[in-house]
Amino acid sequence: MPTLKIPTPLRPYTSGESTITLPGETVAEVLEALVERHPELKRHLLGDNGQLRPYVNLFLKEENVNQLQGLETPLTERDTLLIIPSIAGGKEHRRDHAP
């Protein structure tokens, strides 16, 4: 079964688990199994449309699944998915241009 690596900020929703092995032949099936096991994660990972939220990146090896086949990306039993939430921050820079 594929393995999913959970980042530290999301571990409170997985009872502290950092690595979870889940059934599924596609990314979508693995995510479905994940939110079935840990329902609190759904609102952090998926939008109302069932797609990954814009600030959630999911990697298979070194490839973002959005650059592959998205949630329909096929997986093997040995694959590892890595969730990487985007981190916003820093100081906003604004430039005012005089006419």
Protein backbone atom coordinates (compact mmCIF):
# COMPACT_ATOMS: atom_id res chain seq x y z
CA MET A 1 0.00 0.00 0.00
CA PRO A 2 1.19 3.55 -0.70
CA THR A 3 2.56 5.62 2.17
CA LEU A 4 1.61 9.20 2.96
CA LYS A 5 3.98 11.46 4.90
CA ILE A 6 2.17 13.95 7.11
CA PRO A 7 3.82 17.33 7.83
CA THR A 8 4.15 18.51 11.42
CA PRO A 9 1.34 21.14 11.25
CA LEU A 10 -1.19 18.45 10.25
CA ARG A 11 -0.14 15.77 12.74
CA PRO A 12 -2.57 16.92 15.46
CA TYR A 13 -5.32 15.72 13.10
CA THR A 14 -3.70 12.28 12.69
CA SER A 15 -3.15 11.55 16.39
CA GLY A 16 0.50 12.46 15.89
CA GLU A 17 1.15 9.99 13.07
CA SER A 18 3.84 11.19 10.69
CA THR A 19 3.63 8.32 8.21
CA ILE A 20 0.45 6.51 7.26
CA THR A 21 0.09 3.53 4.93
CA LEU A 22 -3.23 3.59 3.09
CA PRO A 23 -4.95 1.58 0.38
CA GLY A 24 -5.44 3.08 -3.04
CA GLU A 25 -4.37 2.84 -6.64
CA THR A 26 -4.59 6.60 -7.30
CA VAL A 27 -3.82 9.74 -5.32
CA ALA A 28 -7.57 10.35 -4.98
CA GLU A 29 -8.16 6.91 -3.47
CA VAL A 30 -5.34 7.37 -0.96
CA LEU A 31 -6.66 10.80 0.06
CA GLU A 32 -10.16 9.36 0.39
CA ALA A 33 -8.82 6.64 2.70
CA LEU A 34 -6.91 9.29 4.67
CA VAL A 35 -9.91 11.53 5.32
CA GLU A 36 -12.04 8.49 6.09
CA ARG A 37 -9.55 7.52 8.80
CA HIS A 38 -8.94 11.13 9.93
CA PRO A 39 -12.02 13.20 8.97
CA GLU A 40 -10.63 16.38 10.55
CA LEU A 41 -8.04 16.55 7.77
CA LYS A 42 -10.58 16.98 4.99
CA ARG A 43 -11.12 20.70 5.54
CA HIS A 44 -7.36 21.26 5.61
CA LEU A 45 -6.62 19.36 2.39
CA LEU A 46 -9.69 19.41 0.15
CA GLY A 47 -12.07 22.10 -1.00
CA ASP A 48 -15.83 21.72 -1.36
CA ASN A 49 -15.22 20.55 -4.93
CA GLY A 50 -13.14 17.59 -3.70
CA GLN A 51 -9.94 19.00 -5.21
CA LEU A 52 -6.77 19.84 -3.32
CA ARG A 53 -6.86 23.28 -1.76
CA PRO A 54 -4.61 25.75 -3.61
CA TYR A 55 -2.14 25.95 -0.71
CA VAL A 56 -1.68 22.17 -0.45
CA ASN A 57 1.05 20.57 -2.54
CA LEU A 58 1.23 16.83 -2.87
CA PHE A 59 4.41 15.26 -4.18
CA LEU A 60 5.10 11.82 -5.60
CA LYS A 61 8.84 11.40 -5.57
CA GLU A 62 10.03 14.83 -6.70
CA GLU A 63 6.99 15.65 -8.83
CA ASN A 64 3.98 17.71 -7.78
CA VAL A 65 0.96 15.54 -8.62
CA ASN A 66 -0.60 18.60 -10.28
CA GLN A 67 2.17 18.32 -12.86
CA LEU A 68 1.34 14.64 -13.38
CA GLN A 69 -2.28 13.46 -13.60
CA GLY A 70 -3.56 15.33 -10.57
CA LEU A 71 -5.67 13.27 -8.21
CA GLU A 72 -5.92 10.56 -10.85
CA THR A 73 -2.15 9.96 -10.75
CA PRO A 74 -1.66 6.19 -10.45
CA LEU A 75 0.29 4.80 -7.50
CA THR A 76 2.14 1.58 -6.78
CA GLU A 77 2.38 -0.19 -3.43
CA ARG A 78 5.89 1.21 -2.92
CA ASP A 79 5.05 4.86 -3.63
CA THR A 80 5.32 7.57 -1.01
CA LEU A 81 3.28 10.76 -1.17
CA LEU A 82 4.43 13.85 0.68
CA ILE A 83 2.03 16.62 1.72
CA ILE A 84 3.65 20.03 1.72
CA PRO A 85 1.37 22.88 2.77
CA SER A 86 2.36 26.25 1.36
CA ILE A 87 3.46 28.74 3.94
CA ALA A 88 2.46 32.34 3.43
CA GLY A 89 4.11 35.12 5.26
CA GLY A 90 6.64 37.81 5.11
CA LYS A 91 6.11 41.48 4.69
CA GLU A 92 4.04 42.78 1.85
CA HIS A 93 5.92 45.24 -0.28
CA ARG A 94 4.00 47.99 -1.96
CA ARG A 95 5.25 50.46 -4.46
CA ASP A 96 3.31 53.58 -5.12
CA HIS A 97 4.09 55.12 -8.45
CA ALA A 98 3.63 58.82 -8.92
CA PRO A 99 2.18 59.80 -12.32
